[in-house]
Amino acid sequence: MKKKLLALSLAMTFTSTSGILHAEGNLSAGKEKAAACVSCHGDNGNSLVSTFPKLAQQHSSYLIKQLQSFKDGTRKNPMMSSIAMGLTDEDMVDIAAYYAEQEVSANQLPVLDDEDEGEKKADSKNTIQTIIAQGSDLYRNGDLTREVSACIACHGPFGEGNKPAAFPLIKSQHADYLIKTLTDFKTDLRSNNPENMMHMIAKKMTDEEIKAVSYRISMMK
């Protein structure tokens, strides 16, 4: 009897969560509620700071899932957790609906930093275009020899993601934020994804590969 009650409870929990992820939000209410997010995430969800993610055009299902994770502590970030704690389910749905309707902005070509410039002098082939080409190959084909899955499998050929599965849209995201995110998955600082799938992929990637694929994704439109 206890097992049946537990199964029923879990089923109701998952049904409730699924319902929230795919609920329809109020755009005008979401715009008003998102006003507090502008300082970090920019007007219309296009952050001007490369370490803060762009939220524009992101799938509402993914945004809701992340806000829930910040609220319940399964994703760690002191600032976002304190914000999410004050949000109701309705707030999350409305804010997510608003950002999902915005258009993500394109990025300028990444500039190699001083460390990369040093490497470039040592190897003339190590240009930004070469790095992006490496990232493009990894994004589409992965690396079967080291069991690194291709990004295209979950995030689509153009970085559009998968709304029903709550896999994020990643095209035109800031490269610096993508590098940090993949590194956090690699080091297990972040683990709020199904079966820790991203950790299993990222831990097999080198820092060079993380940078290359991040640069490539940042250039997708």
N, C-alpha and C. Protein backbone atom coordinates (compact mmCIF):
# COMPACT_ATOMS: atom_id res chain seq x y z
N MET A 1 0.83 -1.20 0.00
CA MET A 1 0.00 0.00 0.00
C MET A 1 0.88 1.26 0.00
N LYS A 2 1.93 1.24 0.83
CA LYS A 2 2.83 2.39 0.90
C LYS A 2 3.52 2.64 -0.44
N LYS A 3 3.89 1.52 -1.12
CA LYS A 3 4.54 1.65 -2.42
C LYS A 3 3.60 2.29 -3.43
N LYS A 4 2.32 1.91 -3.36
CA LYS A 4 1.34 2.47 -4.28
C LYS A 4 1.15 3.96 -4.04
N LEU A 5 1.11 4.33 -2.76
CA LEU A 5 0.94 5.74 -2.42
C LEU A 5 2.15 6.56 -2.86
N LEU A 6 3.37 5.96 -2.69
CA LEU A 6 4.58 6.65 -3.11
C LEU A 6 4.60 6.84 -4.62
N ALA A 7 4.21 5.79 -5.34
CA ALA A 7 4.17 5.87 -6.80
C ALA A 7 3.17 6.92 -7.26
N LEU A 8 2.02 6.97 -6.60
CA LEU A 8 1.00 7.95 -6.95
C LEU A 8 1.51 9.36 -6.66
N SER A 9 2.18 9.52 -5.53
CA SER A 9 2.72 10.83 -5.16
C SER A 9 3.75 11.31 -6.17
N LEU A 10 4.65 10.41 -6.60
CA LEU A 10 5.66 10.76 -7.58
C LEU A 10 5.04 11.10 -8.92
N ALA A 11 4.04 10.33 -9.29
CA ALA A 11 3.34 10.57 -10.57
C ALA A 11 2.69 11.93 -10.57
N MET A 12 2.08 12.29 -9.44
CA MET A 12 1.41 13.59 -9.34
C MET A 12 2.44 14.73 -9.38
N THR A 13 3.59 14.49 -8.77
CA THR A 13 4.65 15.49 -8.77
C THR A 13 5.16 15.76 -10.17
N PHE A 14 5.44 14.66 -10.91
CA PHE A 14 5.95 14.83 -12.27
C PHE A 14 4.90 15.45 -13.18
N THR A 15 3.64 15.07 -12.99
CA THR A 15 2.57 15.64 -13.80
C THR A 15 2.45 17.13 -13.53
N SER A 16 2.55 17.51 -12.26
CA SER A 16 2.47 18.91 -11.88
C SER A 16 3.62 19.70 -12.47
N THR A 17 4.83 19.14 -12.38
CA THR A 17 6.01 19.82 -12.92
C THR A 17 5.90 19.98 -14.41
N SER A 18 5.47 18.91 -15.11
CA SER A 18 5.31 18.98 -16.55
C SER A 18 4.29 20.03 -16.93
N GLY A 19 3.22 20.12 -16.14
CA GLY A 19 2.18 21.10 -16.42
C GLY A 19 2.71 22.52 -16.32
N ILE A 20 3.56 22.76 -15.33
CA ILE A 20 4.14 24.09 -15.14
C ILE A 20 5.08 24.41 -16.30
N LEU A 21 5.90 23.45 -16.70
CA LEU A 21 6.88 23.68 -17.76
C LEU A 21 6.22 24.10 -19.06
N HIS A 22 5.05 23.58 -19.33
CA HIS A 22 4.40 23.84 -20.61
C HIS A 22 3.14 24.69 -20.48
N ALA A 23 3.00 25.37 -19.36
CA ALA A 23 1.85 26.26 -19.17
C ALA A 23 2.00 27.51 -20.02
N GLU A 24 0.89 28.13 -20.38
CA GLU A 24 0.91 29.35 -21.17
C GLU A 24 0.94 30.56 -20.23
N GLY A 25 1.90 31.44 -20.44
CA GLY A 25 2.03 32.60 -19.58
C GLY A 25 1.39 33.85 -20.15
N ASN A 26 1.31 34.86 -19.34
CA ASN A 26 0.77 36.16 -19.73
C ASN A 26 1.94 37.07 -20.11
N LEU A 27 2.03 37.46 -21.40
CA LEU A 27 3.18 38.21 -21.89
C LEU A 27 3.31 39.59 -21.25
N SER A 28 2.20 40.30 -21.15
CA SER A 28 2.25 41.65 -20.58
C SER A 28 2.64 41.60 -19.11
N ALA A 29 2.09 40.62 -18.40
CA ALA A 29 2.46 40.45 -16.99
C ALA A 29 3.93 40.04 -16.88
N GLY A 30 4.37 39.19 -17.81
CA GLY A 30 5.76 38.74 -17.79
C GLY A 30 6.73 39.87 -18.04
N LYS A 31 6.38 40.79 -18.95
CA LYS A 31 7.23 41.94 -19.22
C LYS A 31 7.39 42.81 -17.98
N GLU A 32 6.29 43.01 -17.29
CA GLU A 32 6.32 43.82 -16.07
C GLU A 32 7.15 43.15 -14.99
N LYS A 33 6.97 41.84 -14.83
CA LYS A 33 7.71 41.11 -13.80
C LYS A 33 9.20 40.99 -14.12
N ALA A 34 9.52 41.00 -15.43
CA ALA A 34 10.91 40.85 -15.85
C ALA A 34 11.70 42.15 -15.73
N ALA A 35 11.05 43.23 -15.35
CA ALA A 35 11.74 44.52 -15.23
C ALA A 35 12.90 44.44 -14.24
N ALA A 36 12.75 43.61 -13.22
CA ALA A 36 13.81 43.46 -12.22
C ALA A 36 15.02 42.69 -12.76
N CYS A 37 14.86 42.06 -13.92
CA CYS A 37 15.93 41.24 -14.49
C CYS A 37 16.83 42.02 -15.44
N VAL A 38 16.40 43.24 -15.81
CA VAL A 38 17.08 44.03 -16.84
C VAL A 38 18.52 44.35 -16.49
N SER A 39 18.80 44.65 -15.23
CA SER A 39 20.14 45.07 -14.84
C SER A 39 21.21 44.02 -15.16
N CYS A 40 20.85 42.75 -15.12
CA CYS A 40 21.80 41.68 -15.43
C CYS A 40 21.61 41.10 -16.83
N HIS A 41 20.34 40.93 -17.21
CA HIS A 41 20.05 40.23 -18.47
C HIS A 41 19.69 41.14 -19.62
N GLY A 42 19.70 42.45 -19.39
CA GLY A 42 19.52 43.40 -20.47
C GLY A 42 18.09 43.59 -20.92
N ASP A 43 17.89 44.63 -21.74
CA ASP A 43 16.57 44.87 -22.32
C ASP A 43 16.18 43.70 -23.20
N ASN A 44 14.96 43.25 -23.07
CA ASN A 44 14.43 42.15 -23.89
C ASN A 44 15.25 40.86 -23.75
N GLY A 45 15.99 40.75 -22.66
CA GLY A 45 16.70 39.50 -22.40
C GLY A 45 18.02 39.35 -23.14
N ASN A 46 18.52 40.43 -23.75
CA ASN A 46 19.81 40.37 -24.44
C ASN A 46 20.88 41.03 -23.57
N SER A 47 21.50 40.23 -22.75
CA SER A 47 22.51 40.72 -21.81
C SER A 47 23.68 41.35 -22.54
N LEU A 48 24.16 42.46 -22.00
CA LEU A 48 25.33 43.14 -22.56
C LEU A 48 26.62 42.69 -21.88
N VAL A 49 26.47 41.90 -20.82
CA VAL A 49 27.63 41.39 -20.08
C VAL A 49 27.83 39.93 -20.45
N SER A 50 29.02 39.61 -20.95
CA SER A 50 29.24 38.28 -21.53
C SER A 50 29.17 37.12 -20.55
N THR A 51 29.24 37.42 -19.25
CA THR A 51 29.16 36.35 -18.26
C THR A 51 27.73 36.15 -17.75
N PHE A 52 26.82 37.02 -18.16
CA PHE A 52 25.39 36.85 -17.83
C PHE A 52 24.67 36.33 -19.07
N PRO A 53 23.90 35.28 -18.95
CA PRO A 53 23.28 34.67 -20.14
C PRO A 53 22.20 35.53 -20.78
N LYS A 54 22.11 35.40 -22.10
CA LYS A 54 20.98 35.97 -22.82
C LYS A 54 19.77 35.06 -22.56
N LEU A 55 18.62 35.67 -22.29
CA LEU A 55 17.39 34.92 -22.05
C LEU A 55 16.42 35.06 -23.22
N ALA A 56 16.68 36.00 -24.11
CA ALA A 56 15.79 36.25 -25.24
C ALA A 56 15.66 35.01 -26.12
N GLN A 57 14.45 34.69 -26.50
CA GLN A 57 14.10 33.60 -27.41
C GLN A 57 14.29 32.22 -26.79
N GLN A 58 14.66 32.19 -25.51
CA GLN A 58 14.85 30.91 -24.84
C GLN A 58 13.51 30.22 -24.63
N HIS A 59 13.50 28.90 -24.75
CA HIS A 59 12.26 28.13 -24.56
C HIS A 59 11.72 28.36 -23.15
N SER A 60 10.45 28.63 -23.07
CA SER A 60 9.83 28.88 -21.77
C SER A 60 9.98 27.68 -20.84
N SER A 61 9.90 26.47 -21.41
CA SER A 61 10.03 25.26 -20.60
C SER A 61 11.39 25.20 -19.92
N TYR A 62 12.43 25.61 -20.62
CA TYR A 62 13.78 25.60 -20.04
C TYR A 62 13.92 26.67 -18.97
N LEU A 63 13.43 27.88 -19.26
CA LEU A 63 13.54 28.96 -18.29
C LEU A 63 12.81 28.63 -16.99
N ILE A 64 11.63 28.07 -17.11
CA ILE A 64 10.86 27.68 -15.92
C ILE A 64 11.63 26.64 -15.12
N LYS A 65 12.19 25.66 -15.82
CA LYS A 65 12.94 24.59 -15.14
C LYS A 65 14.12 25.17 -14.37
N GLN A 66 14.82 26.15 -14.97
CA GLN A 66 15.97 26.73 -14.29
C GLN A 66 15.56 27.56 -13.08
N LEU A 67 14.48 28.31 -13.22
CA LEU A 67 13.99 29.10 -12.08
C LEU A 67 13.55 28.18 -10.93
N GLN A 68 12.93 27.07 -11.28
CA GLN A 68 12.54 26.10 -10.25
C GLN A 68 13.79 25.51 -9.57
N SER A 69 14.83 25.26 -10.37
CA SER A 69 16.06 24.69 -9.81
C SER A 69 16.76 25.68 -8.88
N PHE A 70 16.75 26.96 -9.26
CA PHE A 70 17.31 27.98 -8.37
C PHE A 70 16.52 28.05 -7.06
N LYS A 71 15.22 27.93 -7.19
CA LYS A 71 14.35 28.05 -6.02
C LYS A 71 14.50 26.87 -5.08
N ASP A 72 14.61 25.65 -5.64
CA ASP A 72 14.68 24.47 -4.76
C ASP A 72 16.12 24.09 -4.40
N GLY A 73 17.09 24.85 -4.93
CA GLY A 73 18.48 24.63 -4.54
C GLY A 73 19.24 23.61 -5.35
N THR A 74 18.62 23.01 -6.36
CA THR A 74 19.34 22.03 -7.18
C THR A 74 20.29 22.70 -8.17
N ARG A 75 20.11 24.01 -8.38
CA ARG A 75 21.10 24.80 -9.12
C ARG A 75 21.55 25.92 -8.20
N LYS A 76 22.86 26.06 -8.05
CA LYS A 76 23.41 26.97 -7.06
C LYS A 76 23.81 28.31 -7.66
N ASN A 77 23.26 29.36 -7.14
CA ASN A 77 23.68 30.72 -7.44
C ASN A 77 23.01 31.63 -6.43
N PRO A 78 23.77 32.22 -5.51
CA PRO A 78 23.18 33.00 -4.42
C PRO A 78 22.22 34.08 -4.89
N MET A 79 22.60 34.83 -5.93
CA MET A 79 21.75 35.91 -6.40
C MET A 79 20.45 35.39 -7.01
N MET A 80 20.59 34.40 -7.92
CA MET A 80 19.41 33.88 -8.60
C MET A 80 18.52 33.09 -7.64
N SER A 81 19.12 32.43 -6.69
CA SER A 81 18.32 31.67 -5.72
C SER A 81 17.45 32.60 -4.88
N SER A 82 18.03 33.73 -4.46
CA SER A 82 17.26 34.67 -3.65
C SER A 82 16.13 35.29 -4.46
N ILE A 83 16.37 35.53 -5.73
CA ILE A 83 15.33 36.08 -6.60
C ILE A 83 14.23 35.05 -6.82
N ALA A 84 14.64 33.82 -7.15
CA ALA A 84 13.66 32.77 -7.45
C ALA A 84 12.79 32.43 -6.24
N MET A 85 13.34 32.56 -5.05
CA MET A 85 12.57 32.27 -3.85
C MET A 85 11.33 33.15 -3.74
N GLY A 86 11.40 34.35 -4.31
CA GLY A 86 10.27 35.26 -4.24
C GLY A 86 9.29 35.13 -5.38
N LEU A 87 9.52 34.16 -6.27
CA LEU A 87 8.64 33.97 -7.42
C LEU A 87 7.66 32.83 -7.20
N THR A 88 6.43 33.06 -7.61
CA THR A 88 5.43 31.99 -7.62
C THR A 88 5.55 31.22 -8.93
N ASP A 89 4.86 30.09 -9.02
CA ASP A 89 4.84 29.35 -10.28
C ASP A 89 4.28 30.22 -11.40
N GLU A 90 3.27 31.00 -11.10
CA GLU A 90 2.67 31.88 -12.10
C GLU A 90 3.67 32.94 -12.57
N ASP A 91 4.45 33.49 -11.64
CA ASP A 91 5.48 34.47 -11.99
C ASP A 91 6.48 33.85 -12.97
N MET A 92 6.92 32.65 -12.66
CA MET A 92 7.91 31.97 -13.51
C MET A 92 7.36 31.75 -14.91
N VAL A 93 6.12 31.31 -15.00
CA VAL A 93 5.50 31.05 -16.29
C VAL A 93 5.36 32.33 -17.10
N ASP A 94 4.96 33.41 -16.45
CA ASP A 94 4.79 34.70 -17.14
C ASP A 94 6.12 35.25 -17.63
N ILE A 95 7.13 35.23 -16.77
CA ILE A 95 8.46 35.75 -17.13
C ILE A 95 9.05 34.93 -18.28
N ALA A 96 8.92 33.62 -18.19
CA ALA A 96 9.44 32.74 -19.23
C ALA A 96 8.74 32.98 -20.56
N ALA A 97 7.43 33.19 -20.50
CA ALA A 97 6.66 33.44 -21.72
C ALA A 97 7.12 34.73 -22.39
N TYR A 98 7.40 35.74 -21.58
CA TYR A 98 7.84 37.03 -22.13
C TYR A 98 9.19 36.88 -22.84
N TYR A 99 10.15 36.26 -22.17
CA TYR A 99 11.47 36.13 -22.78
C TYR A 99 11.45 35.23 -24.01
N ALA A 100 10.61 34.23 -24.01
CA ALA A 100 10.53 33.31 -25.14
C ALA A 100 10.09 34.02 -26.42
N GLU A 101 9.37 35.12 -26.28
CA GLU A 101 8.87 35.86 -27.44
C GLU A 101 9.84 36.93 -27.94
N GLN A 102 10.95 37.13 -27.24
CA GLN A 102 11.93 38.12 -27.68
C GLN A 102 12.92 37.48 -28.66
N GLU A 103 13.60 38.30 -29.42
CA GLU A 103 14.56 37.79 -30.41
C GLU A 103 15.98 37.93 -29.88
N VAL A 104 16.71 36.83 -29.92
CA VAL A 104 18.08 36.86 -29.42
C VAL A 104 18.96 37.65 -30.39
N SER A 105 19.86 38.44 -29.86
CA SER A 105 20.74 39.27 -30.68
C SER A 105 21.96 38.48 -31.14
N ALA A 106 22.50 38.88 -32.30
CA ALA A 106 23.71 38.22 -32.82
C ALA A 106 24.94 38.76 -32.10
N ASN A 107 26.00 37.97 -32.08
CA ASN A 107 27.25 38.38 -31.44
C ASN A 107 28.29 38.78 -32.48
N GLN A 108 29.21 39.61 -32.07
CA GLN A 108 30.36 39.92 -32.91
C GLN A 108 31.35 38.77 -32.82
N LEU A 109 32.21 38.67 -33.81
CA LEU A 109 33.21 37.62 -33.83
C LEU A 109 34.07 37.71 -32.58
N PRO A 110 34.25 36.61 -31.85
CA PRO A 110 35.07 36.65 -30.63
C PRO A 110 36.49 37.14 -30.91
N VAL A 111 37.06 37.83 -29.94
CA VAL A 111 38.44 38.31 -30.05
C VAL A 111 39.32 37.44 -29.18
N LEU A 112 40.42 36.98 -29.73
CA LEU A 112 41.33 36.15 -28.96
C LEU A 112 41.95 36.97 -27.83
N ASP A 113 41.97 36.41 -26.63
CA ASP A 113 42.56 37.13 -25.50
C ASP A 113 44.08 37.02 -25.52
N ASP A 114 44.73 37.61 -24.54
CA ASP A 114 46.20 37.65 -24.54
C ASP A 114 46.82 36.26 -24.54
N GLU A 115 46.19 35.36 -23.79
CA GLU A 115 46.72 33.99 -23.72
C GLU A 115 46.62 33.33 -25.09
N ASP A 116 45.44 33.53 -25.73
CA ASP A 116 45.25 32.96 -27.06
C ASP A 116 46.21 33.59 -28.07
N GLU A 117 46.46 34.90 -27.93
CA GLU A 117 47.37 35.58 -28.84
C GLU A 117 48.77 34.99 -28.74
N GLY A 118 49.17 34.64 -27.51
CA GLY A 118 50.46 34.02 -27.32
C GLY A 118 50.54 32.68 -28.03
N GLU A 119 49.47 31.91 -27.92
CA GLU A 119 49.41 30.63 -28.61
C GLU A 119 49.42 30.84 -30.12
N LYS A 120 48.74 31.91 -30.54
CA LYS A 120 48.65 32.20 -31.97
C LYS A 120 50.03 32.47 -32.56
N LYS A 121 50.89 33.21 -31.81
CA LYS A 121 52.22 33.52 -32.30
C LYS A 121 53.04 32.25 -32.42
N ALA A 122 52.79 31.32 -31.50
CA ALA A 122 53.53 30.06 -31.53
C ALA A 122 53.03 29.15 -32.65
N ASP A 123 51.78 29.35 -33.06
CA ASP A 123 51.19 28.51 -34.10
C ASP A 123 50.30 29.40 -34.96
N SER A 124 50.78 29.76 -36.14
CA SER A 124 50.07 30.69 -37.00
C SER A 124 48.71 30.16 -37.46
N LYS A 125 48.49 28.87 -37.35
CA LYS A 125 47.22 28.28 -37.77
C LYS A 125 46.12 28.48 -36.73
N ASN A 126 46.51 28.87 -35.52
CA ASN A 126 45.55 28.98 -34.43
C ASN A 126 44.83 30.33 -34.48
N THR A 127 44.06 30.55 -35.53
CA THR A 127 43.27 31.77 -35.67
C THR A 127 41.87 31.51 -35.11
N ILE A 128 41.12 32.60 -34.95
CA ILE A 128 39.77 32.45 -34.42
C ILE A 128 38.91 31.58 -35.34
N GLN A 129 39.12 31.72 -36.66
CA GLN A 129 38.35 30.92 -37.61
C GLN A 129 38.70 29.43 -37.49
N THR A 130 39.95 29.14 -37.21
CA THR A 130 40.37 27.74 -37.02
C THR A 130 39.72 27.17 -35.77
N ILE A 131 39.68 27.97 -34.72
CA ILE A 131 39.07 27.53 -33.46
C ILE A 131 37.58 27.28 -33.66
N ILE A 132 36.91 28.18 -34.37
CA ILE A 132 35.48 28.03 -34.62
C ILE A 132 35.21 26.80 -35.49
N ALA A 133 36.09 26.55 -36.46
CA ALA A 133 35.93 25.37 -37.32
C ALA A 133 36.05 24.09 -36.49
N GLN A 134 36.99 24.09 -35.55
CA GLN A 134 37.14 22.95 -34.64
C GLN A 134 35.86 22.76 -33.83
N GLY A 135 35.31 23.87 -33.34
CA GLY A 135 34.08 23.80 -32.57
C GLY A 135 32.90 23.32 -33.40
N SER A 136 32.87 23.72 -34.66
CA SER A 136 31.79 23.30 -35.56
C SER A 136 31.80 21.79 -35.77
N ASP A 137 33.01 21.25 -35.95
CA ASP A 137 33.14 19.80 -36.14
C ASP A 137 32.71 19.04 -34.89
N LEU A 138 33.10 19.55 -33.73
CA LEU A 138 32.73 18.89 -32.48
C LEU A 138 31.22 19.00 -32.25
N TYR A 139 30.66 20.16 -32.58
CA TYR A 139 29.21 20.36 -32.40
C TYR A 139 28.42 19.36 -33.24
N ARG A 140 28.84 19.14 -34.48
CA ARG A 140 28.08 18.28 -35.38
C ARG A 140 28.43 16.80 -35.25
N ASN A 141 29.68 16.50 -34.96
CA ASN A 141 30.11 15.10 -35.00
C ASN A 141 30.54 14.52 -33.66
N GLY A 142 30.81 15.38 -32.69
CA GLY A 142 31.33 14.87 -31.43
C GLY A 142 32.70 14.24 -31.61
N ASP A 143 33.08 13.39 -30.70
CA ASP A 143 34.34 12.66 -30.78
C ASP A 143 34.08 11.25 -30.28
N LEU A 144 33.80 10.36 -31.21
CA LEU A 144 33.43 8.98 -30.86
C LEU A 144 34.55 8.25 -30.13
N THR A 145 35.79 8.59 -30.44
CA THR A 145 36.91 7.87 -29.81
C THR A 145 36.95 8.12 -28.31
N ARG A 146 36.45 9.29 -27.88
CA ARG A 146 36.46 9.61 -26.45
C ARG A 146 35.04 9.71 -25.89
N GLU A 147 34.09 9.27 -26.67
CA GLU A 147 32.68 9.23 -26.26
C GLU A 147 32.13 10.61 -25.90
N VAL A 148 32.55 11.61 -26.67
CA VAL A 148 32.00 12.95 -26.52
C VAL A 148 30.84 13.08 -27.52
N SER A 149 29.64 13.22 -27.00
CA SER A 149 28.46 13.27 -27.86
C SER A 149 28.41 14.56 -28.65
N ALA A 150 27.83 14.48 -29.84
CA ALA A 150 27.64 15.66 -30.68
C ALA A 150 26.54 16.54 -30.08
N CYS A 151 26.79 17.83 -30.03
CA CYS A 151 25.81 18.77 -29.46
C CYS A 151 24.51 18.79 -30.26
N ILE A 152 24.64 18.52 -31.56
CA ILE A 152 23.50 18.60 -32.47
C ILE A 152 22.38 17.65 -32.06
N ALA A 153 22.74 16.57 -31.37
CA ALA A 153 21.74 15.55 -31.01
C ALA A 153 20.64 16.11 -30.12
N CYS A 154 20.99 17.00 -29.21
CA CYS A 154 20.00 17.57 -28.29
C CYS A 154 19.65 19.03 -28.62
N HIS A 155 20.63 19.76 -29.15
CA HIS A 155 20.43 21.19 -29.34
C HIS A 155 20.11 21.57 -30.78
N GLY A 156 20.05 20.57 -31.67
CA GLY A 156 19.63 20.83 -33.04
C GLY A 156 20.73 21.38 -33.93
N PRO A 157 20.55 21.32 -35.25
CA PRO A 157 21.59 21.74 -36.19
C PRO A 157 21.92 23.23 -36.14
N PHE A 158 21.00 24.03 -35.66
CA PHE A 158 21.22 25.47 -35.61
C PHE A 158 21.20 26.03 -34.19
N GLY A 159 21.37 25.15 -33.21
CA GLY A 159 21.39 25.59 -31.82
C GLY A 159 20.04 25.99 -31.29
N GLU A 160 18.98 25.47 -31.94
CA GLU A 160 17.62 25.87 -31.58
C GLU A 160 17.06 25.14 -30.38
N GLY A 161 17.70 24.08 -29.93
CA GLY A 161 17.24 23.36 -28.76
C GLY A 161 16.00 22.53 -29.02
N ASN A 162 15.33 22.14 -27.95
CA ASN A 162 14.14 21.30 -28.05
C ASN A 162 13.18 21.69 -26.95
N LYS A 163 12.13 22.42 -27.30
CA LYS A 163 11.20 22.94 -26.31
C LYS A 163 10.49 21.85 -25.51
N PRO A 164 9.89 20.83 -26.15
CA PRO A 164 9.20 19.79 -25.37
C PRO A 164 10.09 19.09 -24.35
N ALA A 165 11.36 18.90 -24.71
CA ALA A 165 12.30 18.22 -23.81
C ALA A 165 12.98 19.20 -22.85
N ALA A 166 12.68 20.50 -22.99
CA ALA A 166 13.31 21.55 -22.18
C ALA A 166 14.82 21.59 -22.37
N PHE A 167 15.29 21.24 -23.59
CA PHE A 167 16.69 21.41 -23.94
C PHE A 167 16.84 22.84 -24.46
N PRO A 168 17.78 23.61 -23.93
CA PRO A 168 17.82 25.04 -24.25
C PRO A 168 18.24 25.39 -25.66
N LEU A 169 17.72 26.51 -26.13
CA LEU A 169 18.23 27.18 -27.31
C LEU A 169 19.58 27.77 -26.91
N ILE A 170 20.61 27.52 -27.70
CA ILE A 170 21.94 27.99 -27.32
C ILE A 170 22.57 28.89 -28.36
N LYS A 171 21.96 29.03 -29.52
CA LYS A 171 22.55 29.86 -30.57
C LYS A 171 22.66 31.32 -30.09
N SER A 172 23.72 31.98 -30.52
CA SER A 172 23.98 33.39 -30.21
C SER A 172 24.14 33.67 -28.71
N GLN A 173 24.36 32.62 -27.93
CA GLN A 173 24.63 32.83 -26.51
C GLN A 173 26.07 33.36 -26.37
N HIS A 174 26.34 34.10 -25.31
CA HIS A 174 27.70 34.61 -25.09
C HIS A 174 28.68 33.45 -24.94
N ALA A 175 29.82 33.55 -25.62
CA ALA A 175 30.84 32.51 -25.53
C ALA A 175 31.37 32.36 -24.11
N ASP A 176 31.59 33.48 -23.42
CA ASP A 176 32.12 33.42 -22.06
C ASP A 176 31.16 32.67 -21.13
N TYR A 177 29.87 32.92 -21.30
CA TYR A 177 28.89 32.22 -20.46
C TYR A 177 28.86 30.72 -20.79
N LEU A 178 28.96 30.39 -22.07
CA LEU A 178 28.96 28.98 -22.47
C LEU A 178 30.18 28.26 -21.92
N ILE A 179 31.33 28.93 -21.97
CA ILE A 179 32.56 28.32 -21.44
C ILE A 179 32.41 28.05 -19.95
N LYS A 180 31.88 29.02 -19.22
CA LYS A 180 31.67 28.84 -17.79
C LYS A 180 30.68 27.71 -17.51
N THR A 181 29.61 27.67 -18.28
CA THR A 181 28.58 26.65 -18.08
C THR A 181 29.14 25.25 -18.31
N LEU A 182 29.84 25.05 -19.42
CA LEU A 182 30.41 23.74 -19.71
C LEU A 182 31.46 23.36 -18.67
N THR A 183 32.23 24.35 -18.22
CA THR A 183 33.23 24.08 -17.18
C THR A 183 32.56 23.70 -15.86
N ASP A 184 31.47 24.36 -15.54
CA ASP A 184 30.73 24.01 -14.32
C ASP A 184 30.16 22.60 -14.40
N PHE A 185 29.66 22.23 -15.58
CA PHE A 185 29.18 20.86 -15.75
C PHE A 185 30.35 19.87 -15.62
N LYS A 186 31.47 20.23 -16.22
CA LYS A 186 32.65 19.35 -16.20
C LYS A 186 33.14 19.10 -14.78
N THR A 187 33.15 20.15 -13.97
CA THR A 187 33.67 20.03 -12.61
C THR A 187 32.59 19.69 -11.59
N ASP A 188 31.39 19.45 -12.06
CA ASP A 188 30.26 19.07 -11.21
C ASP A 188 29.75 20.20 -10.32
N LEU A 189 30.08 21.44 -10.66
CA LEU A 189 29.52 22.57 -9.93
C LEU A 189 28.05 22.76 -10.29
N ARG A 190 27.70 22.25 -11.46
CA ARG A 190 26.29 22.30 -11.89
C ARG A 190 25.87 20.90 -12.31
N SER A 191 24.70 20.48 -11.87
CA SER A 191 24.27 19.12 -12.17
C SER A 191 22.76 18.99 -12.34
N ASN A 192 22.07 20.12 -12.54
CA ASN A 192 20.60 20.05 -12.62
C ASN A 192 20.12 19.76 -14.04
N ASN A 193 20.55 18.63 -14.58
CA ASN A 193 20.07 18.19 -15.89
C ASN A 193 19.78 16.71 -15.84
N PRO A 194 18.91 16.21 -16.72
CA PRO A 194 18.50 14.80 -16.65
C PRO A 194 19.68 13.83 -16.58
N GLU A 195 19.71 13.05 -15.52
CA GLU A 195 20.72 12.01 -15.32
C GLU A 195 22.14 12.58 -15.41
N ASN A 196 22.28 13.88 -15.08
CA ASN A 196 23.58 14.54 -15.11
C ASN A 196 24.27 14.35 -16.47
N MET A 197 23.45 14.38 -17.52
CA MET A 197 23.94 14.10 -18.87
C MET A 197 25.04 15.05 -19.30
N MET A 198 24.88 16.35 -19.02
CA MET A 198 25.89 17.32 -19.46
C MET A 198 27.22 17.12 -18.74
N HIS A 199 27.18 16.68 -17.50
CA HIS A 199 28.43 16.39 -16.80
C HIS A 199 29.16 15.24 -17.49
N MET A 200 28.42 14.21 -17.88
CA MET A 200 29.02 13.05 -18.52
C MET A 200 29.69 13.42 -19.84
N ILE A 201 29.14 14.42 -20.53
CA ILE A 201 29.73 14.87 -21.80
C ILE A 201 30.90 15.81 -21.54
N ALA A 202 30.65 16.84 -20.72
CA ALA A 202 31.65 17.89 -20.52
C ALA A 202 32.93 17.38 -19.86
N LYS A 203 32.81 16.38 -18.98
CA LYS A 203 34.01 15.90 -18.27
C LYS A 203 35.01 15.24 -19.22
N LYS A 204 34.54 14.86 -20.42
CA LYS A 204 35.43 14.23 -21.40
C LYS A 204 36.00 15.23 -22.39
N MET A 205 35.59 16.48 -22.26
CA MET A 205 36.06 17.53 -23.17
C MET A 205 37.28 18.24 -22.59
N THR A 206 38.21 18.59 -23.45
CA THR A 206 39.35 19.39 -23.01
C THR A 206 38.92 20.85 -22.91
N ASP A 207 39.72 21.65 -22.22
CA ASP A 207 39.43 23.09 -22.12
C ASP A 207 39.43 23.73 -23.51
N GLU A 208 40.31 23.26 -24.38
CA GLU A 208 40.39 23.78 -25.74
C GLU A 208 39.09 23.48 -26.50
N GLU A 209 38.57 22.28 -26.32
CA GLU A 209 37.33 21.90 -27.00
C GLU A 209 36.14 22.70 -26.47
N ILE A 210 36.13 22.92 -25.16
CA ILE A 210 35.06 23.72 -24.57
C ILE A 210 35.07 25.13 -25.14
N LYS A 211 36.25 25.71 -25.26
CA LYS A 211 36.36 27.05 -25.83
C LYS A 211 35.94 27.05 -27.29
N ALA A 212 36.39 26.07 -28.05
CA ALA A 212 36.09 26.03 -29.49
C ALA A 212 34.59 25.89 -29.75
N VAL A 213 33.94 24.97 -29.06
CA VAL A 213 32.52 24.76 -29.31
C VAL A 213 31.71 25.95 -28.80
N SER A 214 32.17 26.60 -27.75
CA SER A 214 31.48 27.78 -27.23
C SER A 214 31.57 28.93 -28.22
N TYR A 215 32.74 29.12 -28.81
CA TYR A 215 32.89 30.16 -29.84
C TYR A 215 31.97 29.87 -31.03
N ARG A 216 31.92 28.60 -31.42
CA ARG A 216 31.07 28.25 -32.57
C ARG A 216 29.59 28.52 -32.28
N ILE A 217 29.13 28.11 -31.13
CA ILE A 217 27.72 28.31 -30.77
C ILE A 217 27.40 29.80 -30.70
N SER A 218 28.34 30.58 -30.20
CA SER A 218 28.10 32.02 -30.07
C SER A 218 27.89 32.70 -31.42
N MET A 219 28.40 32.07 -32.50
CA MET A 219 28.26 32.63 -33.84
C MET A 219 27.05 32.11 -34.60
N MET A 220 26.33 31.15 -34.02
CA MET A 220 25.13 30.62 -34.68
C MET A 220 24.02 31.66 -34.66
N LYS A 221 23.28 31.76 -35.76
CA LYS A 221 22.19 32.72 -35.85
C LYS A 221 20.90 32.03 -36.25
